[in-house]
PDB file of N, CA and C in Angstrom:
ATOM      1  N   MET A   1    -165.136 135.319 -35.656  1.00  0.00           N
ATOM      2  CA  MET A   1    -163.943 136.095 -35.904  1.00  0.00           C
ATOM      3  C   MET A   1    -162.947 135.245 -36.710  1.00  0.00           C
ATOM      4  N   VAL A   2    -162.409 135.837 -37.731  1.00  0.00           N
ATOM      5  CA  VAL A   2    -161.456 135.143 -38.583  1.00  0.00           C
ATOM      6  C   VAL A   2    -160.043 135.428 -38.087  1.00  0.00           C
ATOM      7  N   THR A   3    -159.313 134.362 -37.829  1.00  0.00           N
ATOM      8  CA  THR A   3    -157.923 134.501 -37.393  1.00  0.00           C
ATOM      9  C   THR A   3    -157.023 133.899 -38.464  1.00  0.00           C
ATOM     10  N   PRO A   4    -155.749 134.161 -38.389  1.00  0.00           N
ATOM     11  CA  PRO A   4    -154.838 133.558 -39.374  1.00  0.00           C
ATOM     12  C   PRO A   4    -154.857 132.035 -39.348  1.00  0.00           C
ATOM     13  N   PHE A   5    -155.248 131.456 -38.217  1.00  0.00           N
ATOM     14  CA  PHE A   5    -155.249 130.001 -38.103  1.00  0.00           C
ATOM     15  C   PHE A   5    -156.519 129.360 -38.647  1.00  0.00           C
ATOM     16  N   SER A   6    -157.569 130.142 -38.899  1.00  0.00           N
ATOM     17  CA  SER A   6    -158.807 129.539 -39.398  1.00  0.00           C
ATOM     18  C   SER A   6    -158.608 128.973 -40.803  1.00  0.00           C
ATOM     19  N   GLY A   7    -157.815 129.652 -41.621  1.00  0.00           N
ATOM     20  CA  GLY A   7    -157.511 129.122 -42.951  1.00  0.00           C
ATOM     21  C   GLY A   7    -156.728 127.827 -42.873  1.00  0.00           C
ATOM     22  N   ALA A   8    -155.820 127.739 -41.911  1.00  0.00           N
ATOM     23  CA  ALA A   8    -155.037 126.516 -41.736  1.00  0.00           C
ATOM     24  C   ALA A   8    -155.929 125.361 -41.294  1.00  0.00           C
ATOM     25  N   LYS A   9    -156.913 125.657 -40.437  1.00  0.00           N
ATOM     26  CA  LYS A   9    -157.829 124.604 -39.989  1.00  0.00           C
ATOM     27  C   LYS A   9    -158.661 124.090 -41.161  1.00  0.00           C
ATOM     28  N   ILE A  10    -159.169 124.996 -41.966  1.00  0.00           N
ATOM     29  CA  ILE A  10    -159.979 124.604 -43.121  1.00  0.00           C
ATOM     30  C   ILE A  10    -159.138 123.783 -44.094  1.00  0.00           C
ATOM     31  N   THR A  11    -157.922 124.234 -44.348  1.00  0.00           N
ATOM     32  CA  THR A  11    -157.030 123.506 -45.252  1.00  0.00           C
ATOM     33  C   THR A  11    -156.728 122.112 -44.708  1.00  0.00           C
ATOM     34  N   GLY A  12    -156.482 122.017 -43.418  1.00  0.00           N
ATOM     35  CA  GLY A  12    -156.213 120.715 -42.805  1.00  0.00           C
ATOM     36  C   GLY A  12    -157.391 119.765 -42.934  1.00  0.00           C
ATOM     37  N   VAL A  13    -158.589 120.273 -42.701  1.00  0.00           N
ATOM     38  CA  VAL A  13    -159.787 119.436 -42.820  1.00  0.00           C
ATOM     39  C   VAL A  13    -159.970 118.988 -44.264  1.00  0.00           C
ATOM     40  N   LEU A  14    -159.765 119.884 -45.219  1.00  0.00           N
ATOM     41  CA  LEU A  14    -159.912 119.530 -46.630  1.00  0.00           C
ATOM     42  C   LEU A  14    -158.878 118.492 -47.062  1.00  0.00           C
ATOM     43  N   LEU A  15    -157.638 118.658 -46.625  1.00  0.00           N
ATOM     44  CA  LEU A  15    -156.599 117.683 -46.973  1.00  0.00           C
ATOM     45  C   LEU A  15    -156.874 116.321 -46.342  1.00  0.00           C
ATOM     46  N   PHE A  16    -157.374 116.331 -45.111  1.00  0.00           N
ATOM     47  CA  PHE A  16    -157.727 115.079 -44.449  1.00  0.00           C
ATOM     48  C   PHE A  16    -158.858 114.377 -45.199  1.00  0.00           C
ATOM     49  N   ALA A  17    -159.882 115.135 -45.578  1.00  0.00           N
ATOM     50  CA  ALA A  17    -161.007 114.559 -46.319  1.00  0.00           C
ATOM     51  C   ALA A  17    -160.544 114.018 -47.669  1.00  0.00           C
ATOM     52  N   LEU A  18    -159.676 114.751 -48.347  1.00  0.00           N
ATOM     53  CA  LEU A  18    -159.148 114.285 -49.628  1.00  0.00           C
ATOM     54  C   LEU A  18    -158.352 112.992 -49.458  1.00  0.00           C
ATOM     55  N   GLY A  19    -157.579 112.904 -48.395  1.00  0.00           N
ATOM     56  CA  GLY A  19    -156.821 111.685 -48.120  1.00  0.00           C
ATOM     57  C   GLY A  19    -157.730 110.488 -47.885  1.00  0.00           C
ATOM     58  N   ILE A  20    -158.802 110.685 -47.127  1.00  0.00           N
ATOM     59  CA  ILE A  20    -159.757 109.601 -46.875  1.00  0.00           C
ATOM     60  C   ILE A  20    -160.412 109.155 -48.179  1.00  0.00           C
ATOM     61  N   ILE A  21    -160.810 110.122 -49.010  1.00  0.00           N
ATOM     62  CA  ILE A  21    -161.434 109.797 -50.298  1.00  0.00           C
ATOM     63  C   ILE A  21    -160.463 109.006 -51.169  1.00  0.00           C
ATOM     64  N   LEU A  22    -159.199 109.413 -51.206  1.00  0.00           N
ATOM     65  CA  LEU A  22    -158.214 108.707 -52.028  1.00  0.00           C
ATOM     66  C   LEU A  22    -157.982 107.281 -51.544  1.00  0.00           C
ATOM     67  N   VAL A  23    -157.966 107.088 -50.232  1.00  0.00           N
ATOM     68  CA  VAL A  23    -157.770 105.740 -49.696  1.00  0.00           C
ATOM     69  C   VAL A  23    -158.943 104.841 -50.083  1.00  0.00           C
ATOM     70  N   TRP A  24    -160.162 105.337 -49.923  1.00  0.00           N
ATOM     71  CA  TRP A  24    -161.337 104.536 -50.276  1.00  0.00           C
ATOM     72  C   TRP A  24    -161.403 104.279 -51.774  1.00  0.00           C
ATOM     73  N   PHE A  25    -161.073 105.288 -52.576  1.00  0.00           N
ATOM     74  CA  PHE A  25    -161.113 105.115 -54.022  1.00  0.00           C
ATOM     75  C   PHE A  25    -160.049 104.120 -54.468  1.00  0.00           C
ATOM     76  N   SER A  26    -158.900 104.165 -53.835  1.00  0.00           N
ATOM     77  CA  SER A  26    -157.835 103.225 -54.161  1.00  0.00           C
ATOM     78  C   SER A  26    -158.261 101.795 -53.813  1.00  0.00           C
ATOM     79  N   ALA A  27    -158.909 101.636 -52.663  1.00  0.00           N
ATOM     80  CA  ALA A  27    -159.408 100.313 -52.278  1.00  0.00           C
ATOM     81  C   ALA A  27    -160.479  99.831 -53.251  1.00  0.00           C
ATOM     82  N   PHE A  28    -161.354 100.737 -53.677  1.00  0.00           N
ATOM     83  CA  PHE A  28    -162.394 100.380 -54.648  1.00  0.00           C
ATOM     84  C   PHE A  28    -161.767  99.917 -55.959  1.00  0.00           C
ATOM     85  N   LEU A  29    -160.759 100.648 -56.430  1.00  0.00           N
ATOM     86  CA  LEU A  29    -160.087 100.244 -57.662  1.00  0.00           C
ATOM     87  C   LEU A  29    -159.457  98.865 -57.514  1.00  0.00           C
ATOM     88  N   TYR A  30    -158.810  98.647 -56.386  1.00  0.00           N
ATOM     89  CA  TYR A  30    -158.080  97.398 -56.198  1.00  0.00           C
ATOM     90  C   TYR A  30    -159.016  96.192 -56.109  1.00  0.00           C
ATOM     91  N   PHE A  31    -160.121  96.346 -55.365  1.00  0.00           N
ATOM     92  CA  PHE A  31    -160.985  95.191 -55.114  1.00  0.00           C
ATOM     93  C   PHE A  31    -162.133  95.049 -56.109  1.00  0.00           C
ATOM     94  N   ALA A  32    -162.543  96.123 -56.774  1.00  0.00           N
ATOM     95  CA  ALA A  32    -163.695  96.038 -57.676  1.00  0.00           C
ATOM     96  C   ALA A  32    -163.306  96.134 -59.145  1.00  0.00           C
ATOM     97  N   VAL A  33    -162.452  97.071 -59.485  1.00  0.00           N
ATOM     98  CA  VAL A  33    -162.155  97.325 -60.896  1.00  0.00           C
ATOM     99  C   VAL A  33    -161.080  96.383 -61.430  1.00  0.00           C
ATOM    100  N   LEU A  34    -160.026  96.169 -60.670  1.00  0.00           N
ATOM    101  CA  LEU A  34    -158.917  95.354 -61.173  1.00  0.00           C
ATOM    102  C   LEU A  34    -159.293  93.902 -61.476  1.00  0.00           C
ATOM    103  N   PRO A  35    -160.119  93.246 -60.653  1.00  0.00           N
ATOM    104  CA  PRO A  35    -160.515  91.879 -61.039  1.00  0.00           C
ATOM    105  C   PRO A  35    -161.281  91.829 -62.363  1.00  0.00           C
ATOM    106  N   ILE A  36    -162.089  92.844 -62.617  1.00  0.00           N
ATOM    107  CA  ILE A  36    -162.817  92.899 -63.889  1.00  0.00           C
ATOM    108  C   ILE A  36    -161.836  93.116 -65.038  1.00  0.00           C
ATOM    109  N   LEU A  37    -160.884  94.027 -64.845  1.00  0.00           N
ATOM    110  CA  LEU A  37    -159.896  94.275 -65.892  1.00  0.00           C
ATOM    111  C   LEU A  37    -159.033  93.044 -66.162  1.00  0.00           C
ATOM    112  N   ASP A  38    -158.732  92.290 -65.116  1.00  0.00           N
ATOM    113  CA  ASP A  38    -157.935  91.067 -65.305  1.00  0.00           C
ATOM    114  C   ASP A  38    -158.644  90.080 -66.224  1.00  0.00           C
ATOM    115  N   LYS A  39    -159.953  89.988 -66.094  1.00  0.00           N
ATOM    116  CA  LYS A  39    -160.705  89.033 -66.915  1.00  0.00           C
ATOM    117  C   LYS A  39    -160.923  89.541 -68.335  1.00  0.00           C
ATOM    118  N   LEU A  40    -161.053  90.852 -68.495  1.00  0.00           N
ATOM    119  CA  LEU A  40    -161.361  91.412 -69.806  1.00  0.00           C
ATOM    120  C   LEU A  40    -160.128  91.786 -70.619  1.00  0.00           C
ATOM    121  N   SER A  41    -158.995  91.885 -69.945  1.00  0.00           N
ATOM    122  CA  SER A  41    -157.807  92.429 -70.591  1.00  0.00           C
ATOM    123  C   SER A  41    -157.174  91.435 -71.558  1.00  0.00           C
ATOM    124  N   VAL A  42    -156.674  91.983 -72.656  1.00  0.00           N
ATOM    125  CA  VAL A  42    -155.921  91.178 -73.619  1.00  0.00           C
ATOM    126  C   VAL A  42    -154.444  91.581 -73.617  1.00  0.00           C
ATOM    127  N   LEU A  43    -154.042  92.306 -72.578  1.00  0.00           N
ATOM    128  CA  LEU A  43    -152.655  92.758 -72.482  1.00  0.00           C
ATOM    129  C   LEU A  43    -151.741  91.596 -72.101  1.00  0.00           C
ATOM    130  N   ALA A  44    -150.475  91.752 -72.422  1.00  0.00           N
ATOM    131  CA  ALA A  44    -149.477  90.771 -71.998  1.00  0.00           C
ATOM    132  C   ALA A  44    -149.313  90.850 -70.483  1.00  0.00           C
ATOM    133  N   ASP A  45    -148.697  89.829 -69.903  1.00  0.00           N
ATOM    134  CA  ASP A  45    -148.574  89.759 -68.448  1.00  0.00           C
ATOM    135  C   ASP A  45    -147.826  90.948 -67.867  1.00  0.00           C
ATOM    136  N   ASP A  46    -146.735  91.360 -68.506  1.00  0.00           N
ATOM    137  CA  ASP A  46    -145.964  92.474 -67.961  1.00  0.00           C
ATOM    138  C   ASP A  46    -146.745  93.784 -68.065  1.00  0.00           C
ATOM    139  N   GLN A  47    -147.513  93.959 -69.128  1.00  0.00           N
ATOM    140  CA  GLN A  47    -148.330  95.167 -69.253  1.00  0.00           C
ATOM    141  C   GLN A  47    -149.462  95.151 -68.229  1.00  0.00           C
ATOM    142  N   GLN A  48    -150.055  93.997 -68.005  1.00  0.00           N
ATOM    143  CA  GLN A  48    -151.123  93.877 -67.012  1.00  0.00           C
ATOM    144  C   GLN A  48    -150.578  94.158 -65.614  1.00  0.00           C
ATOM    145  N   TYR A  49    -149.365  93.685 -65.330  1.00  0.00           N
ATOM    146  CA  TYR A  49    -148.726  93.931 -64.043  1.00  0.00           C
ATOM    147  C   TYR A  49    -148.542  95.431 -63.812  1.00  0.00           C
ATOM    148  N   MET A  50    -148.061  96.137 -64.838  1.00  0.00           N
ATOM    149  CA  MET A  50    -147.866  97.583 -64.710  1.00  0.00           C
ATOM    150  C   MET A  50    -149.205  98.303 -64.564  1.00  0.00           C
ATOM    151  N   LEU A  51    -150.223  97.866 -65.290  1.00  0.00           N
ATOM    152  CA  LEU A  51    -151.545  98.474 -65.179  1.00  0.00           C
ATOM    153  C   LEU A  51    -152.114  98.278 -63.781  1.00  0.00           C
ATOM    154  N   ASN A  52    -151.945  97.085 -63.214  1.00  0.00           N
ATOM    155  CA  ASN A  52    -152.427  96.831 -61.854  1.00  0.00           C
ATOM    156  C   ASN A  52    -151.746  97.742 -60.850  1.00  0.00           C
ATOM    157  N   HIS A  53    -150.448  97.915 -60.979  1.00  0.00           N
ATOM    158  CA  HIS A  53    -149.735  98.771 -60.040  1.00  0.00           C
ATOM    159  C   HIS A  53    -150.092 100.238 -60.230  1.00  0.00           C
ATOM    160  N   LEU A  54    -150.344 100.648 -61.453  1.00  0.00           N
ATOM    161  CA  LEU A  54    -150.747 102.030 -61.696  1.00  0.00           C
ATOM    162  C   LEU A  54    -152.105 102.315 -61.075  1.00  0.00           C
ATOM    163  N   LEU A  55    -153.072 101.430 -61.309  1.00  0.00           N
ATOM    164  CA  LEU A  55    -154.427 101.695 -60.847  1.00  0.00           C
ATOM    165  C   LEU A  55    -154.617 101.442 -59.364  1.00  0.00           C
ATOM    166  N   SER A  56    -153.784 100.611 -58.756  1.00  0.00           N
ATOM    167  CA  SER A  56    -153.997 100.292 -57.353  1.00  0.00           C
ATOM    168  C   SER A  56    -153.344 101.303 -56.416  1.00  0.00           C
ATOM    169  N   GLY A  57    -152.531 102.182 -56.927  1.00  0.00           N
ATOM    170  CA  GLY A  57    -151.859 103.146 -56.070  1.00  0.00           C
ATOM    171  C   GLY A  57    -152.587 104.469 -55.976  1.00  0.00           C
ATOM    172  N   THR A  58    -152.128 105.305 -55.093  1.00  0.00           N
ATOM    173  CA  THR A  58    -152.725 106.625 -54.917  1.00  0.00           C
ATOM    174  C   THR A  58    -152.516 107.481 -56.154  1.00  0.00           C
ATOM    175  N   ILE A  59    -151.393 107.317 -56.832  1.00  0.00           N
ATOM    176  CA  ILE A  59    -151.163 108.075 -58.064  1.00  0.00           C
ATOM    177  C   ILE A  59    -152.208 107.688 -59.099  1.00  0.00           C
ATOM    178  N   GLY A  60    -152.515 106.413 -59.166  1.00  0.00           N
ATOM    179  CA  GLY A  60    -153.565 105.974 -60.073  1.00  0.00           C
ATOM    180  C   GLY A  60    -154.909 106.577 -59.720  1.00  0.00           C
ATOM    181  N   SER A  61    -155.191 106.681 -58.427  1.00  0.00           N
ATOM    182  CA  SER A  61    -156.435 107.321 -57.999  1.00  0.00           C
ATOM    183  C   SER A  61    -156.480 108.769 -58.444  1.00  0.00           C
ATOM    184  N   LEU A  62    -155.377 109.469 -58.282  1.00  0.00           N
ATOM    185  CA  LEU A  62    -155.339 110.870 -58.704  1.00  0.00           C
ATOM    186  C   LEU A  62    -155.527 111.008 -60.205  1.00  0.00           C
ATOM    187  N   VAL A  63    -154.900 110.127 -60.962  1.00  0.00           N
ATOM    188  CA  VAL A  63    -155.037 110.181 -62.419  1.00  0.00           C
ATOM    189  C   VAL A  63    -156.475 109.927 -62.831  1.00  0.00           C
ATOM    190  N   VAL A  64    -157.091 108.901 -62.250  1.00  0.00           N
ATOM    191  CA  VAL A  64    -158.466 108.564 -62.621  1.00  0.00           C
ATOM    192  C   VAL A  64    -159.429 109.660 -62.189  1.00  0.00           C
ATOM    193  N   ILE A  65    -159.238 110.223 -61.002  1.00  0.00           N
ATOM    194  CA  ILE A  65    -160.112 111.304 -60.533  1.00  0.00           C
ATOM    195  C   ILE A  65    -159.971 112.523 -61.431  1.00  0.00           C
ATOM    196  N   SER A  66    -158.759 112.808 -61.872  1.00  0.00           N
ATOM    197  CA  SER A  66    -158.559 114.001 -62.706  1.00  0.00           C
ATOM    198  C   SER A  66    -159.166 113.836 -64.091  1.00  0.00           C
ATOM    199  N   LEU A  67    -159.385 112.586 -64.534  1.00  0.00           N
ATOM    200  CA  LEU A  67    -160.021 112.367 -65.833  1.00  0.00           C
ATOM    201  C   LEU A  67    -161.478 112.710 -65.724  1.00  0.00           C
TER     202      LEU A  67
END
């Protein structure tokens, strides 16, 4: 039987799963991708600093996933 709360439960589970995926993806970016970029990058220090902060955050995860 479908109740008004079943949609809320499904939405909650999906949002929780998305949050877990974003946390793991953010950790992967921080520990796996950023060290490689640090070695390969020819950017200036301030640009590299901004790139690290962009990619290590959840916003960076969302941007990369949306690409």
